[in-house]
Amino acid sequence: LRTLDEIMAWGEASDEERLRILEAVARRRQARNARNG
């Protein structure tokens, strides 16, 4: 559930940036689960 940009950035991302990516992933997962309920 990462965007292509997030996947490409992961290797060079700081811990803070990685945490933001993981938070975005959690939001996407929650939205997907709500849709698939």
PDB file of all heavy atoms in Angstrom:
ATOM      1  N   LEU A   1       0.800  -1.226   0.000  1.00  0.00           N
ATOM      2  CA  LEU A   1       0.000   0.000   0.000  1.00  0.00           C
ATOM      3  C   LEU A   1       0.834   1.277   0.000  1.00  0.00           C
ATOM      4  O   LEU A   1       0.370   2.335   0.420  1.00  0.00           O
ATOM      5  CB  LEU A   1      -0.991   0.021   1.168  1.00  0.00           C
ATOM      6  CG  LEU A   1      -2.025  -1.103   1.141  1.00  0.00           C
ATOM      7  CD1 LEU A   1      -2.925  -1.026   2.362  1.00  0.00           C
ATOM      8  CD2 LEU A   1      -2.852  -1.049  -0.133  1.00  0.00           C
ATOM      9  N   ARG A   2       2.072   1.197  -0.504  1.00  0.00           N
ATOM     10  CA  ARG A   2       2.874   2.404  -0.695  1.00  0.00           C
ATOM     11  C   ARG A   2       2.712   2.871  -2.129  1.00  0.00           C
ATOM     12  O   ARG A   2       2.506   2.079  -3.036  1.00  0.00           O
ATOM     13  CB  ARG A   2       4.360   2.140  -0.438  1.00  0.00           C
ATOM     14  CG  ARG A   2       4.693   1.894   1.011  1.00  0.00           C
ATOM     15  CD  ARG A   2       6.170   1.663   1.203  1.00  0.00           C
ATOM     16  NE  ARG A   2       6.563   0.409   0.565  1.00  0.00           N
ATOM     17  CZ  ARG A   2       7.822   0.033   0.389  1.00  0.00           C
ATOM     18  NH1 ARG A   2       8.820   0.808   0.765  1.00  0.00           N
ATOM     19  NH2 ARG A   2       8.086  -1.131  -0.182  1.00  0.00           N
ATOM     20  N   THR A   3       2.838   4.185  -2.325  1.00  0.00           N
ATOM     21  CA  THR A   3       2.830   4.719  -3.677  1.00  0.00           C
ATOM     22  C   THR A   3       4.168   4.395  -4.332  1.00  0.00           C
ATOM     23  O   THR A   3       5.155   4.079  -3.648  1.00  0.00           O
ATOM     24  CB  THR A   3       2.639   6.240  -3.687  1.00  0.00           C
ATOM     25  OG1 THR A   3       3.771   6.856  -3.068  1.00  0.00           O
ATOM     26  CG2 THR A   3       1.356   6.655  -2.984  1.00  0.00           C
ATOM     27  N   LEU A   4       4.206   4.505  -5.641  1.00  0.00           N
ATOM     28  CA  LEU A   4       5.454   4.273  -6.358  1.00  0.00           C
ATOM     29  C   LEU A   4       6.542   5.229  -5.850  1.00  0.00           C
ATOM     30  O   LEU A   4       7.677   4.824  -5.626  1.00  0.00           O
ATOM     31  CB  LEU A   4       5.241   4.438  -7.859  1.00  0.00           C
ATOM     32  CG  LEU A   4       6.446   4.174  -8.743  1.00  0.00           C
ATOM     33  CD1 LEU A   4       7.004   2.774  -8.519  1.00  0.00           C
ATOM     34  CD2 LEU A   4       6.071   4.362 -10.197  1.00  0.00           C
ATOM     35  N   ASP A   5       6.177   6.481  -5.621  1.00  0.00           N
ATOM     36  CA  ASP A   5       7.146   7.456  -5.105  1.00  0.00           C
ATOM     37  C   ASP A   5       7.660   7.053  -3.723  1.00  0.00           C
ATOM     38  O   ASP A   5       8.846   7.189  -3.425  1.00  0.00           O
ATOM     39  CB  ASP A   5       6.534   8.852  -5.035  1.00  0.00           C
ATOM     40  CG  ASP A   5       6.344   9.479  -6.401  1.00  0.00           C
ATOM     41  OD1 ASP A   5       7.004   9.034  -7.375  1.00  0.00           O
ATOM     42  OD2 ASP A   5       5.539  10.416  -6.503  1.00  0.00           O
ATOM     43  N   GLU A   6       6.774   6.559  -2.870  1.00  0.00           N
ATOM     44  CA  GLU A   6       7.185   6.125  -1.529  1.00  0.00           C
ATOM     45  C   GLU A   6       8.111   4.922  -1.597  1.00  0.00           C
ATOM     46  O   GLU A   6       9.082   4.832  -0.839  1.00  0.00           O
ATOM     47  CB  GLU A   6       5.950   5.803  -0.677  1.00  0.00           C
ATOM     48  CG  GLU A   6       5.139   7.021  -0.316  1.00  0.00           C
ATOM     49  CD  GLU A   6       3.776   6.705   0.244  1.00  0.00           C
ATOM     50  OE1 GLU A   6       3.283   5.551   0.107  1.00  0.00           O
ATOM     51  OE2 GLU A   6       3.169   7.626   0.819  1.00  0.00           O
ATOM     52  N   ILE A   7       7.826   4.002  -2.493  1.00  0.00           N
ATOM     53  CA  ILE A   7       8.683   2.825  -2.663  1.00  0.00           C
ATOM     54  C   ILE A   7      10.079   3.260  -3.105  1.00  0.00           C
ATOM     55  O   ILE A   7      11.085   2.795  -2.557  1.00  0.00           O
ATOM     56  CB  ILE A   7       8.064   1.841  -3.680  1.00  0.00           C
ATOM     57  CG1 ILE A   7       6.778   1.233  -3.109  1.00  0.00           C
ATOM     58  CG2 ILE A   7       9.072   0.754  -4.065  1.00  0.00           C
ATOM     59  CD1 ILE A   7       5.931   0.492  -4.130  1.00  0.00           C
ATOM     60  N   MET A   8      10.123   4.161  -4.073  1.00  0.00           N
ATOM     61  CA  MET A   8      11.406   4.604  -4.598  1.00  0.00           C
ATOM     62  C   MET A   8      12.188   5.417  -3.567  1.00  0.00           C
ATOM     63  O   MET A   8      13.417   5.359  -3.532  1.00  0.00           O
ATOM     64  CB  MET A   8      11.189   5.404  -5.878  1.00  0.00           C
ATOM     65  CG  MET A   8      10.701   4.528  -7.020  1.00  0.00           C
ATOM     66  SD  MET A   8      10.246   5.361  -8.559  1.00  0.00           S
ATOM     67  CE  MET A   8      11.163   6.831  -8.601  1.00  0.00           C
ATOM     68  N   ALA A   9      11.512   6.143  -2.710  1.00  0.00           N
ATOM     69  CA  ALA A   9      12.172   6.997  -1.722  1.00  0.00           C
ATOM     70  C   ALA A   9      12.637   6.235  -0.485  1.00  0.00           C
ATOM     71  O   ALA A   9      13.501   6.708   0.248  1.00  0.00           O
ATOM     72  CB  ALA A   9      11.231   8.121  -1.300  1.00  0.00           C
ATOM     73  N   TRP A  10      12.089   5.061  -0.235  1.00  0.00           N
ATOM     74  CA  TRP A  10      12.307   4.354   1.024  1.00  0.00           C
ATOM     75  C   TRP A  10      13.796   4.168   1.360  1.00  0.00           C
ATOM     76  O   TRP A  10      14.220   4.412   2.492  1.00  0.00           O
ATOM     77  CB  TRP A  10      11.605   2.997   1.001  1.00  0.00           C
ATOM     78  CG  TRP A  10      11.695   2.292   2.316  1.00  0.00           C
ATOM     79  CD1 TRP A  10      12.627   1.366   2.701  1.00  0.00           C
ATOM     80  CD2 TRP A  10      10.841   2.480   3.440  1.00  0.00           C
ATOM     81  NE1 TRP A  10      12.386   0.963   3.984  1.00  0.00           N
ATOM     82  CE2 TRP A  10      11.293   1.636   4.470  1.00  0.00           C
ATOM     83  CE3 TRP A  10       9.725   3.285   3.677  1.00  0.00           C
ATOM     84  CZ2 TRP A  10      10.677   1.572   5.706  1.00  0.00           C
ATOM     85  CZ3 TRP A  10       9.114   3.211   4.918  1.00  0.00           C
ATOM     86  CH2 TRP A  10       9.595   2.365   5.914  1.00  0.00           C
ATOM     87  N   GLY A  11      14.589   3.754   0.426  1.00  0.00           N
ATOM     88  CA  GLY A  11      15.994   3.447   0.677  1.00  0.00           C
ATOM     89  C   GLY A  11      16.799   4.634   1.169  1.00  0.00           C
ATOM     90  O   GLY A  11      17.722   4.475   1.973  1.00  0.00           O
ATOM     91  N   GLU A  12      16.452   5.833   0.738  1.00  0.00           N
ATOM     92  CA  GLU A  12      17.186   7.046   1.117  1.00  0.00           C
ATOM     93  C   GLU A  12      16.456   7.854   2.190  1.00  0.00           C
ATOM     94  O   GLU A  12      16.974   8.870   2.644  1.00  0.00           O
ATOM     95  CB  GLU A  12      17.402   7.924  -0.116  1.00  0.00           C
ATOM     96  CG  GLU A  12      18.188   7.250  -1.222  1.00  0.00           C
ATOM     97  CD  GLU A  12      19.636   6.953  -0.815  1.00  0.00           C
ATOM     98  OE1 GLU A  12      20.242   7.803  -0.135  1.00  0.00           O
ATOM     99  OE2 GLU A  12      20.123   5.868  -1.172  1.00  0.00           O
ATOM    100  N   ALA A  13      15.274   7.415   2.593  1.00  0.00           N
ATOM    101  CA  ALA A  13      14.445   8.183   3.515  1.00  0.00           C
ATOM    102  C   ALA A  13      15.011   8.154   4.936  1.00  0.00           C
ATOM    103  O   ALA A  13      15.538   7.132   5.387  1.00  0.00           O
ATOM    104  CB  ALA A  13      13.014   7.651   3.511  1.00  0.00           C
ATOM    105  N   SER A  14      14.842   9.275   5.637  1.00  0.00           N
ATOM    106  CA  SER A  14      15.196   9.336   7.054  1.00  0.00           C
ATOM    107  C   SER A  14      14.147   8.552   7.845  1.00  0.00           C
ATOM    108  O   SER A  14      13.072   8.217   7.323  1.00  0.00           O
ATOM    109  CB  SER A  14      15.219  10.785   7.522  1.00  0.00           C
ATOM    110  OG  SER A  14      13.910  11.334   7.504  1.00  0.00           O
ATOM    111  N   ASP A  15      14.436   8.315   9.118  1.00  0.00           N
ATOM    112  CA  ASP A  15      13.456   7.629   9.959  1.00  0.00           C
ATOM    113  C   ASP A  15      12.151   8.416  10.032  1.00  0.00           C
ATOM    114  O   ASP A  15      11.064   7.838  10.019  1.00  0.00           O
ATOM    115  CB  ASP A  15      14.004   7.404  11.371  1.00  0.00           C
ATOM    116  CG  ASP A  15      15.015   6.275  11.427  1.00  0.00           C
ATOM    117  OD1 ASP A  15      15.126   5.505  10.449  1.00  0.00           O
ATOM    118  OD2 ASP A  15      15.698   6.157  12.464  1.00  0.00           O
ATOM    119  N   GLU A  16      12.257   9.743  10.085  1.00  0.00           N
ATOM    120  CA  GLU A  16      11.061  10.586  10.135  1.00  0.00           C
ATOM    121  C   GLU A  16      10.236  10.431   8.861  1.00  0.00           C
ATOM    122  O   GLU A  16       9.006  10.307   8.910  1.00  0.00           O
ATOM    123  CB  GLU A  16      11.471  12.039  10.317  1.00  0.00           C
ATOM    124  CG  GLU A  16      10.303  12.985  10.486  1.00  0.00           C
ATOM    125  CD  GLU A  16      10.766  14.405  10.761  1.00  0.00           C
ATOM    126  OE1 GLU A  16      11.674  14.590  11.578  1.00  0.00           O
ATOM    127  OE2 GLU A  16      10.202  15.318  10.128  1.00  0.00           O
ATOM    128  N   GLU A  17      10.900  10.429   7.718  1.00  0.00           N
ATOM    129  CA  GLU A  17      10.198  10.250   6.445  1.00  0.00           C
ATOM    130  C   GLU A  17       9.584   8.860   6.360  1.00  0.00           C
ATOM    131  O   GLU A  17       8.457   8.701   5.869  1.00  0.00           O
ATOM    132  CB  GLU A  17      11.157  10.470   5.277  1.00  0.00           C
ATOM    133  CG  GLU A  17      11.604  11.907   5.145  1.00  0.00           C
ATOM    134  CD  GLU A  17      12.792  12.083   4.213  1.00  0.00           C
ATOM    135  OE1 GLU A  17      13.670  11.186   4.164  1.00  0.00           O
ATOM    136  OE2 GLU A  17      12.840  13.106   3.530  1.00  0.00           O
ATOM    137  N   ARG A  18      10.287   7.862   6.845  1.00  0.00           N
ATOM    138  CA  ARG A  18       9.746   6.503   6.837  1.00  0.00           C
ATOM    139  C   ARG A  18       8.511   6.391   7.719  1.00  0.00           C
ATOM    140  O   ARG A  18       7.549   5.713   7.367  1.00  0.00           O
ATOM    141  CB  ARG A  18      10.814   5.500   7.271  1.00  0.00           C
ATOM    142  CG  ARG A  18      11.884   5.309   6.215  1.00  0.00           C
ATOM    143  CD  ARG A  18      12.938   4.349   6.667  1.00  0.00           C
ATOM    144  NE  ARG A  18      13.920   4.141   5.592  1.00  0.00           N
ATOM    145  CZ  ARG A  18      14.844   3.216   5.613  1.00  0.00           C
ATOM    146  NH1 ARG A  18      14.950   2.396   6.653  1.00  0.00           N
ATOM    147  NH2 ARG A  18      15.680   3.089   4.609  1.00  0.00           N
ATOM    148  N   LEU A  19       8.537   7.066   8.861  1.00  0.00           N
ATOM    149  CA  LEU A  19       7.361   7.062   9.729  1.00  0.00           C
ATOM    150  C   LEU A  19       6.163   7.705   9.040  1.00  0.00           C
ATOM    151  O   LEU A  19       5.040   7.215   9.152  1.00  0.00           O
ATOM    152  CB  LEU A  19       7.659   7.785  11.041  1.00  0.00           C
ATOM    153  CG  LEU A  19       8.490   7.000  12.045  1.00  0.00           C
ATOM    154  CD1 LEU A  19       8.843   7.870  13.245  1.00  0.00           C
ATOM    155  CD2 LEU A  19       7.770   5.741  12.495  1.00  0.00           C
ATOM    156  N   ARG A  20       6.395   8.784   8.305  1.00  0.00           N
ATOM    157  CA  ARG A  20       5.301   9.422   7.550  1.00  0.00           C
ATOM    158  C   ARG A  20       4.745   8.473   6.495  1.00  0.00           C
ATOM    159  O   ARG A  20       3.532   8.410   6.280  1.00  0.00           O
ATOM    160  CB  ARG A  20       5.776  10.708   6.902  1.00  0.00           C
ATOM    161  CG  ARG A  20       5.721  11.895   7.848  1.00  0.00           C
ATOM    162  CD  ARG A  20       6.035  13.147   7.100  1.00  0.00           C
ATOM    163  NE  ARG A  20       7.471  13.064   6.799  1.00  0.00           N
ATOM    164  CZ  ARG A  20       8.323  14.049   6.855  1.00  0.00           C
ATOM    165  NH1 ARG A  20       7.916  15.241   7.109  1.00  0.00           N
ATOM    166  NH2 ARG A  20       9.589  13.891   6.608  1.00  0.00           N
ATOM    167  N   ILE A  21       5.634   7.733   5.825  1.00  0.00           N
ATOM    168  CA  ILE A  21       5.193   6.756   4.825  1.00  0.00           C
ATOM    169  C   ILE A  21       4.350   5.673   5.494  1.00  0.00           C
ATOM    170  O   ILE A  21       3.280   5.308   5.003  1.00  0.00           O
ATOM    171  CB  ILE A  21       6.400   6.145   4.080  1.00  0.00           C
ATOM    172  CG1 ILE A  21       7.063   7.206   3.196  1.00  0.00           C
ATOM    173  CG2 ILE A  21       5.977   4.916   3.261  1.00  0.00           C
ATOM    174  CD1 ILE A  21       8.404   6.785   2.598  1.00  0.00           C
ATOM    175  N   LEU A  22       4.832   5.169   6.639  1.00  0.00           N
ATOM    176  CA  LEU A  22       4.091   4.118   7.344  1.00  0.00           C
ATOM    177  C   LEU A  22       2.734   4.617   7.834  1.00  0.00           C
ATOM    178  O   LEU A  22       1.752   3.866   7.829  1.00  0.00           O
ATOM    179  CB  LEU A  22       4.923   3.580   8.506  1.00  0.00           C
ATOM    180  CG  LEU A  22       6.178   2.810   8.110  1.00  0.00           C
ATOM    181  CD1 LEU A  22       6.979   2.427   9.347  1.00  0.00           C
ATOM    182  CD2 LEU A  22       5.844   1.590   7.273  1.00  0.00           C
ATOM    183  N   GLU A  23       2.656   5.884   8.225  1.00  0.00           N
ATOM    184  CA  GLU A  23       1.372   6.461   8.635  1.00  0.00           C
ATOM    185  C   GLU A  23       0.423   6.546   7.447  1.00  0.00           C
ATOM    186  O   GLU A  23      -0.774   6.254   7.580  1.00  0.00           O
ATOM    187  CB  GLU A  23       1.583   7.838   9.255  1.00  0.00           C
ATOM    188  CG  GLU A  23       2.245   7.774  10.610  1.00  0.00           C
ATOM    189  CD  GLU A  23       2.720   9.126  11.118  1.00  0.00           C
ATOM    190  OE1 GLU A  23       2.627  10.130  10.372  1.00  0.00           O
ATOM    191  OE2 GLU A  23       3.194   9.168  12.260  1.00  0.00           O
ATOM    192  N   ALA A  24       0.945   6.918   6.295  1.00  0.00           N
ATOM    193  CA  ALA A  24       0.117   6.972   5.083  1.00  0.00           C
ATOM    194  C   ALA A  24      -0.367   5.578   4.700  1.00  0.00           C
ATOM    195  O   ALA A  24      -1.527   5.395   4.308  1.00  0.00           O
ATOM    196  CB  ALA A  24       0.899   7.598   3.931  1.00  0.00           C
ATOM    197  N   VAL A  25       0.513   4.591   4.837  1.00  0.00           N
ATOM    198  CA  VAL A  25       0.136   3.198   4.559  1.00  0.00           C
ATOM    199  C   VAL A  25      -0.988   2.767   5.503  1.00  0.00           C
ATOM    200  O   VAL A  25      -1.968   2.142   5.072  1.00  0.00           O
ATOM    201  CB  VAL A  25       1.362   2.258   4.694  1.00  0.00           C
ATOM    202  CG1 VAL A  25       0.951   0.807   4.756  1.00  0.00           C
ATOM    203  CG2 VAL A  25       2.330   2.502   3.550  1.00  0.00           C
ATOM    204  N   ALA A  26      -0.874   3.121   6.782  1.00  0.00           N
ATOM    205  CA  ALA A  26      -1.908   2.749   7.753  1.00  0.00           C
ATOM    206  C   ALA A  26      -3.251   3.380   7.384  1.00  0.00           C
ATOM    207  O   ALA A  26      -4.295   2.718   7.491  1.00  0.00           O
ATOM    208  CB  ALA A  26      -1.475   3.169   9.153  1.00  0.00           C
ATOM    209  N   ARG A  27      -3.228   4.633   6.933  1.00  0.00           N
ATOM    210  CA  ARG A  27      -4.482   5.283   6.506  1.00  0.00           C
ATOM    211  C   ARG A  27      -5.082   4.584   5.293  1.00  0.00           C
ATOM    212  O   ARG A  27      -6.297   4.375   5.217  1.00  0.00           O
ATOM    213  CB  ARG A  27      -4.246   6.764   6.206  1.00  0.00           C
ATOM    214  CG  ARG A  27      -4.029   7.615   7.433  1.00  0.00           C
ATOM    215  CD  ARG A  27      -4.057   9.102   7.111  1.00  0.00           C
ATOM    216  NE  ARG A  27      -3.050   9.495   6.131  1.00  0.00           N
ATOM    217  CZ  ARG A  27      -1.792   9.827   6.422  1.00  0.00           C
ATOM    218  NH1 ARG A  27      -1.369   9.794   7.668  1.00  0.00           N
ATOM    219  NH2 ARG A  27      -0.956  10.193   5.465  1.00  0.00           N
ATOM    220  N   ARG A  28      -4.223   4.221   4.339  1.00  0.00           N
ATOM    221  CA  ARG A  28      -4.717   3.511   3.143  1.00  0.00           C
ATOM    222  C   ARG A  28      -5.291   2.148   3.518  1.00  0.00           C
ATOM    223  O   ARG A  28      -6.322   1.729   2.984  1.00  0.00           O
ATOM    224  CB  ARG A  28      -3.595   3.345   2.127  1.00  0.00           C
ATOM    225  CG  ARG A  28      -3.196   4.626   1.474  1.00  0.00           C
ATOM    226  CD  ARG A  28      -2.112   4.408   0.423  1.00  0.00           C
ATOM    227  NE  ARG A  28      -1.480   5.682   0.158  1.00  0.00           N
ATOM    228  CZ  ARG A  28      -0.212   5.972   0.420  1.00  0.00           C
ATOM    229  NH1 ARG A  28       0.610   5.051   0.890  1.00  0.00           N
ATOM    230  NH2 ARG A  28       0.253   7.170   0.179  1.00  0.00           N
ATOM    231  N   ARG A  29      -4.621   1.459   4.427  1.00  0.00           N
ATOM    232  CA  ARG A  29      -5.108   0.139   4.857  1.00  0.00           C
ATOM    233  C   ARG A  29      -6.473   0.275   5.540  1.00  0.00           C
ATOM    234  O   ARG A  29      -7.386  -0.506   5.278  1.00  0.00           O
ATOM    235  CB  ARG A  29      -4.093  -0.526   5.788  1.00  0.00           C
ATOM    236  CG  ARG A  29      -4.525  -1.916   6.239  1.00  0.00           C
ATOM    237  CD  ARG A  29      -3.432  -2.666   6.969  1.00  0.00           C
ATOM    238  NE  ARG A  29      -2.421  -3.073   5.990  1.00  0.00           N
ATOM    239  CZ  ARG A  29      -1.173  -2.601   5.934  1.00  0.00           C
ATOM    240  NH1 ARG A  29      -0.759  -1.724   6.823  1.00  0.00           N
ATOM    241  NH2 ARG A  29      -0.336  -3.021   5.028  1.00  0.00           N
ATOM    242  N   GLN A  30      -6.604   1.286   6.388  1.00  0.00           N
ATOM    243  CA  GLN A  30      -7.866   1.513   7.086  1.00  0.00           C
ATOM    244  C   GLN A  30      -8.991   1.823   6.085  1.00  0.00           C
ATOM    245  O   GLN A  30     -10.090   1.306   6.194  1.00  0.00           O
ATOM    246  CB  GLN A  30      -7.694   2.651   8.086  1.00  0.00           C
ATOM    247  CG  GLN A  30      -8.829   2.816   9.032  1.00  0.00           C
ATOM    248  CD  GLN A  30      -8.499   3.824  10.113  1.00  0.00           C
ATOM    249  OE1 GLN A  30      -7.809   4.829   9.849  1.00  0.00           O
ATOM    250  NE2 GLN A  30      -8.959   3.591  11.300  1.00  0.00           N
ATOM    251  N   ALA A  31      -8.688   2.666   5.093  1.00  0.00           N
ATOM    252  CA  ALA A  31      -9.684   3.007   4.064  1.00  0.00           C
ATOM    253  C   ALA A  31     -10.064   1.776   3.259  1.00  0.00           C
ATOM    254  O   ALA A  31     -11.233   1.559   2.953  1.00  0.00           O
ATOM    255  CB  ALA A  31      -9.146   4.105   3.166  1.00  0.00           C
ATOM    256  N   ARG A  32      -9.066   0.958   2.905  1.00  0.00           N
ATOM    257  CA  ARG A  32      -9.345  -0.255   2.118  1.00  0.00           C
ATOM    258  C   ARG A  32     -10.208  -1.210   2.930  1.00  0.00           C
ATOM    259  O   ARG A  32     -11.175  -1.782   2.410  1.00  0.00           O
ATOM    260  CB  ARG A  32      -8.045  -0.940   1.718  1.00  0.00           C
ATOM    261  CG  ARG A  32      -8.281  -2.195   0.886  1.00  0.00           C
ATOM    262  CD  ARG A  32      -7.019  -2.888   0.491  1.00  0.00           C
ATOM    263  NE  ARG A  32      -6.381  -3.466   1.675  1.00  0.00           N
ATOM    264  CZ  ARG A  32      -5.238  -4.117   1.641  1.00  0.00           C
ATOM    265  NH1 ARG A  32      -4.572  -4.271   0.511  1.00  0.00           N
ATOM    266  NH2 ARG A  32      -4.722  -4.618   2.748  1.00  0.00           N
ATOM    267  N   ASN A  33      -9.891  -1.369   4.209  1.00  0.00           N
ATOM    268  CA  ASN A  33     -10.665  -2.269   5.055  1.00  0.00           C
ATOM    269  C   ASN A  33     -12.096  -1.771   5.229  1.00  0.00           C
ATOM    270  O   ASN A  33     -13.034  -2.566   5.259  1.00  0.00           O
ATOM    271  CB  ASN A  33      -9.992  -2.432   6.425  1.00  0.00           C
ATOM    272  CG  ASN A  33      -8.716  -3.233   6.336  1.00  0.00           C
ATOM    273  OD1 ASN A  33      -8.437  -3.907   5.344  1.00  0.00           O
ATOM    274  ND2 ASN A  33      -7.892  -3.145   7.355  1.00  0.00           N
ATOM    275  N   ALA A  34     -12.277  -0.461   5.309  1.00  0.00           N
ATOM    276  CA  ALA A  34     -13.624   0.103   5.434  1.00  0.00           C
ATOM    277  C   ALA A  34     -14.433  -0.150   4.160  1.00  0.00           C
ATOM    278  O   ALA A  34     -15.631  -0.436   4.238  1.00  0.00           O
ATOM    279  CB  ALA A  34     -13.534   1.604   5.723  1.00  0.00           C
ATOM    280  N   ARG A  35     -13.773  -0.044   3.004  1.00  0.00           N
ATOM    281  CA  ARG A  35     -14.471  -0.307   1.727  1.00  0.00           C
ATOM    282  C   ARG A  35     -14.853  -1.768   1.593  1.00  0.00           C
ATOM    283  O   ARG A  35     -15.893  -2.101   1.039  1.00  0.00           O
ATOM    284  CB  ARG A  35     -13.581   0.091   0.554  1.00  0.00           C
ATOM    285  CG  ARG A  35     -13.505   1.545   0.278  1.00  0.00           C
ATOM    286  CD  ARG A  35     -12.842   1.845  -1.066  1.00  0.00           C
ATOM    287  NE  ARG A  35     -11.557   1.179  -1.223  1.00  0.00           N
ATOM    288  CZ  ARG A  35     -10.381   1.692  -0.892  1.00  0.00           C
ATOM    289  NH1 ARG A  35     -10.314   2.883  -0.341  1.00  0.00           N
ATOM    290  NH2 ARG A  35      -9.261   1.025  -1.095  1.00  0.00           N
ATOM    291  N   ASN A  36     -13.967  -2.655   2.059  1.00  0.00           N
ATOM    292  CA  ASN A  36     -14.188  -4.085   1.904  1.00  0.00           C
ATOM    293  C   ASN A  36     -14.988  -4.690   3.047  1.00  0.00           C
ATOM    294  O   ASN A  36     -15.339  -5.850   2.984  1.00  0.00           O
ATOM    295  CB  ASN A  36     -12.849  -4.814   1.756  1.00  0.00           C
ATOM    296  CG  ASN A  36     -12.121  -4.398   0.508  1.00  0.00           C
ATOM    297  OD1 ASN A  36     -12.719  -3.965  -0.471  1.00  0.00           O
ATOM    298  ND2 ASN A  36     -10.808  -4.514   0.512  1.00  0.00           N
ATOM    299  N   GLY A  37     -15.206  -3.880   4.094  1.00  0.00           N
ATOM    300  CA  GLY A  37     -15.932  -4.188   5.306  1.00  0.00           C
ATOM    301  C   GLY A  37     -16.370  -5.517   5.533  1.00  0.00           C
ATOM    302  O   GLY A  37     -16.938  -6.221   6.102  1.00  0.00           O
TER     303      GLY A  37
END
